[in-house]
């Protein structure tokens, strides 16, 4: 007898779902704009109705019962989406803050580098400035009236001096 009751309620449920399906689809569409997610949400609504159908006592119309379940599922869906969006925005904000901090740090390092270059003797200042602008050793030698090997030695010494300054600064 239990099997028959269960089968009969299953048949009733299917009939009721077919009757109220357009209403359920409109409810879901009023909460979700993306068609693929609407389909997933609709499946959740139907599953929730199916899972709770045995608990339906008949205190309200079947249409009301289905609509309440649909709205509750959709509200849960929106709450979850809003929470995920807030977490994503927070994550993006943290990433942006880290990016801004990194930019400020890089800007500070750049300013420190320029301050150290300004303290170099004129010839060294000229050599490192040209090097930082992308000039080759030969081009720097031509501009400064030096040999390429002299430019190389000078650049190595300047780099060591600047490197030592930044090593001392970071410790």
Protein backbone atom coordinates (compact mmCIF):
# COMPACT_ATOMS: atom_id res chain seq x y z
CA UNK A 1 0.00 0.00 0.00
CA UNK A 2 2.88 2.39 0.78
CA UNK A 3 4.32 1.90 -2.72
CA UNK A 4 0.94 2.78 -4.26
CA UNK A 5 0.67 5.98 -2.16
CA UNK A 6 4.17 7.00 -3.10
CA UNK A 7 3.54 6.29 -6.78
CA UNK A 8 0.24 8.19 -6.68
CA UNK A 9 1.84 11.25 -5.06
CA UNK A 10 4.63 11.07 -7.64
CA UNK A 11 2.03 11.21 -10.39
CA UNK A 12 0.30 14.14 -8.64
CA UNK A 13 3.61 15.93 -8.26
CA UNK A 14 4.41 15.55 -11.96
CA UNK A 15 0.97 16.86 -12.92
CA UNK A 16 1.29 19.82 -10.57
CA UNK A 17 4.82 20.60 -11.79
CA UNK A 18 3.61 20.57 -15.41
CA UNK A 19 0.76 22.90 -14.47
CA UNK A 20 2.93 25.35 -12.54
CA UNK A 21 6.16 25.07 -14.54
CA UNK A 22 5.65 28.36 -16.46
CA UNK A 23 5.10 30.20 -13.15
CA UNK A 24 8.25 28.63 -11.68
CA UNK A 25 10.25 29.59 -14.76
CA UNK A 26 9.06 33.20 -14.48
CA UNK A 27 9.99 33.30 -10.79
CA UNK A 28 13.46 31.96 -11.54
CA UNK A 29 13.87 34.41 -14.43
CA UNK A 30 12.96 37.29 -12.15
CA UNK A 31 15.95 36.43 -9.92
CA UNK A 32 18.54 35.34 -12.49
CA UNK A 33 19.31 36.87 -15.90
CA UNK A 34 21.80 34.33 -17.27
CA UNK A 35 19.94 31.52 -19.08
CA UNK A 36 22.40 28.75 -18.15
CA UNK A 37 22.23 29.69 -14.48
CA UNK A 38 18.43 29.97 -14.77
CA UNK A 39 18.35 26.33 -15.87
CA UNK A 40 20.52 25.27 -12.93
CA UNK A 41 18.40 27.28 -10.52
CA UNK A 42 15.24 25.80 -12.01
CA UNK A 43 16.64 22.32 -11.38
CA UNK A 44 17.33 23.29 -7.77
CA UNK A 45 13.76 24.57 -7.40
CA UNK A 46 12.24 21.40 -8.85
CA UNK A 47 14.49 19.24 -6.69
CA UNK A 48 13.47 21.22 -3.59
CA UNK A 49 9.80 20.83 -4.48
CA UNK A 50 10.26 17.11 -5.11
CA UNK A 51 12.19 16.65 -1.82
CA UNK A 52 9.60 18.45 0.26
CA UNK A 53 6.42 17.31 -1.51
CA UNK A 54 5.68 14.60 1.07
CA UNK A 55 5.61 17.32 3.75
CA UNK A 56 2.92 19.32 1.96
CA UNK A 57 -0.10 19.34 4.28
CA UNK A 58 -2.56 21.13 2.03
CA UNK A 59 -2.69 24.24 4.23
CA UNK A 60 -2.34 26.37 1.11
CA UNK A 61 -2.87 26.00 -2.59
CA UNK A 62 -0.28 23.89 -4.42
CA UNK A 63 0.55 26.96 -6.52
CA UNK A 64 1.33 28.96 -3.36
CA UNK A 65 3.43 26.14 -1.95
CA UNK A 66 5.47 25.82 -5.15
CA UNK A 67 5.91 29.60 -5.42
CA UNK A 68 7.13 29.84 -1.81
CA UNK A 69 9.72 27.10 -2.40
CA UNK A 70 10.82 28.74 -5.67
CA UNK A 71 11.18 32.15 -4.05
CA UNK A 72 13.11 30.72 -1.10
CA UNK A 73 15.53 28.89 -3.41
CA UNK A 74 15.97 31.98 -5.55
CA UNK A 75 16.60 34.19 -2.52
CA UNK A 76 19.24 31.71 -1.32
CA UNK A 77 20.76 31.79 -4.80
CA UNK A 78 20.92 35.61 -4.81
CA UNK A 79 22.35 35.70 -1.28
CA UNK A 80 25.07 33.28 -2.31
CA UNK A 81 25.81 35.27 -5.48
CA UNK A 82 26.00 38.54 -3.53
CA UNK A 83 28.30 36.94 -0.96
CA UNK A 84 30.55 35.56 -3.72
CA UNK A 85 30.59 38.96 -5.44
CA UNK A 86 31.49 40.70 -2.17
CA UNK A 87 34.30 38.20 -1.58
CA UNK A 88 35.53 38.69 -5.13
CA UNK A 89 35.45 42.47 -4.78
CA UNK A 90 37.29 42.24 -1.46
CA UNK A 91 39.87 39.97 -3.07
CA UNK A 92 40.26 42.40 -5.98
CA UNK A 93 40.55 45.29 -3.51
CA UNK A 94 43.28 43.43 -1.60
CA UNK A 95 45.05 42.69 -4.88
CA UNK A 96 44.74 46.34 -5.92
CA UNK A 97 46.05 47.45 -2.52
CA UNK A 98 48.98 45.08 -2.88
CA UNK A 99 49.56 46.37 -6.41
CA UNK A 100 49.45 50.00 -5.21
CA UNK A 101 51.80 49.16 -2.32
CA UNK A 102 54.12 47.46 -4.78
CA UNK A 103 54.00 50.48 -7.09
CA UNK A 104 54.74 52.84 -4.20
CA UNK A 105 57.61 50.62 -3.12
CA UNK A 106 58.99 50.57 -6.66
CA UNK A 107 58.57 54.34 -6.90
CA UNK A 108 60.42 54.78 -3.61
CA UNK A 109 63.24 52.52 -4.79
CA UNK A 110 63.44 54.48 -8.02
CA UNK A 111 63.64 57.77 -6.13
CA UNK A 112 66.37 56.32 -3.89
CA UNK A 113 68.27 55.14 -6.95
CA UNK A 114 68.06 58.61 -8.49
CA UNK A 115 69.24 60.20 -5.23
CA UNK A 116 72.27 57.88 -5.19
CA UNK A 117 73.03 58.58 -8.87
CA UNK A 118 72.88 62.33 -8.19
CA UNK A 119 75.64 61.91 -5.60
CA UNK A 120 78.03 60.26 -8.07
CA UNK A 121 80.85 62.22 -9.74
CA UNK A 122 79.84 63.76 -13.05
CA UNK A 123 81.49 61.17 -15.34
CA UNK A 124 80.01 58.22 -13.40
CA UNK A 125 76.61 59.95 -13.33
CA UNK A 126 76.76 60.37 -17.09
CA UNK A 127 77.84 56.76 -17.74
CA UNK A 128 75.14 55.20 -15.54
CA UNK A 129 72.46 57.56 -16.87
CA UNK A 130 73.26 56.61 -20.47
CA UNK A 131 73.37 52.93 -19.52
CA UNK A 132 69.96 53.18 -17.85
CA UNK A 133 68.63 54.82 -21.02
CA UNK A 134 69.63 51.71 -22.97
CA UNK A 135 72.82 52.92 -24.63
CA UNK A 136 75.39 50.25 -25.52
CA UNK A 137 78.92 50.33 -24.08
CA UNK A 138 80.17 51.59 -27.45
CA UNK A 139 77.60 54.39 -27.60
CA UNK A 140 78.41 55.44 -24.01
CA UNK A 141 82.13 55.42 -24.85
CA UNK A 142 81.49 57.61 -27.90
CA UNK A 143 79.39 60.13 -25.92
CA UNK A 144 81.76 60.32 -22.95
CA UNK A 145 85.07 60.06 -24.83
CA UNK A 146 86.05 56.81 -23.09
CA UNK A 147 87.03 53.33 -24.26
CA UNK A 148 84.43 50.56 -24.12
CA UNK A 149 86.52 48.64 -21.57
CA UNK A 150 86.71 51.77 -19.40
CA UNK A 151 82.90 52.09 -19.63
CA UNK A 152 82.54 48.44 -18.60
CA UNK A 153 84.83 48.81 -15.58
CA UNK A 154 83.11 52.04 -14.53
CA UNK A 155 79.65 50.50 -14.86
CA UNK A 156 80.62 47.47 -12.78
CA UNK A 157 81.96 49.71 -10.01
CA UNK A 158 78.86 51.92 -10.09
CA UNK A 159 76.56 48.88 -9.98
CA UNK A 160 78.47 47.46 -7.01
CA UNK A 161 78.27 50.79 -5.21
CA UNK A 162 74.51 51.13 -5.84
CA UNK A 163 73.91 47.48 -4.99
CA UNK A 164 75.77 47.91 -1.71
CA UNK A 165 73.62 50.92 -0.85
CA UNK A 166 70.38 49.00 -1.47
CA UNK A 167 71.65 45.97 0.44
CA UNK A 168 72.39 48.20 3.45
CA UNK A 169 69.00 49.90 3.11
CA UNK A 170 67.06 46.61 3.15
CA UNK A 171 68.82 45.28 6.26
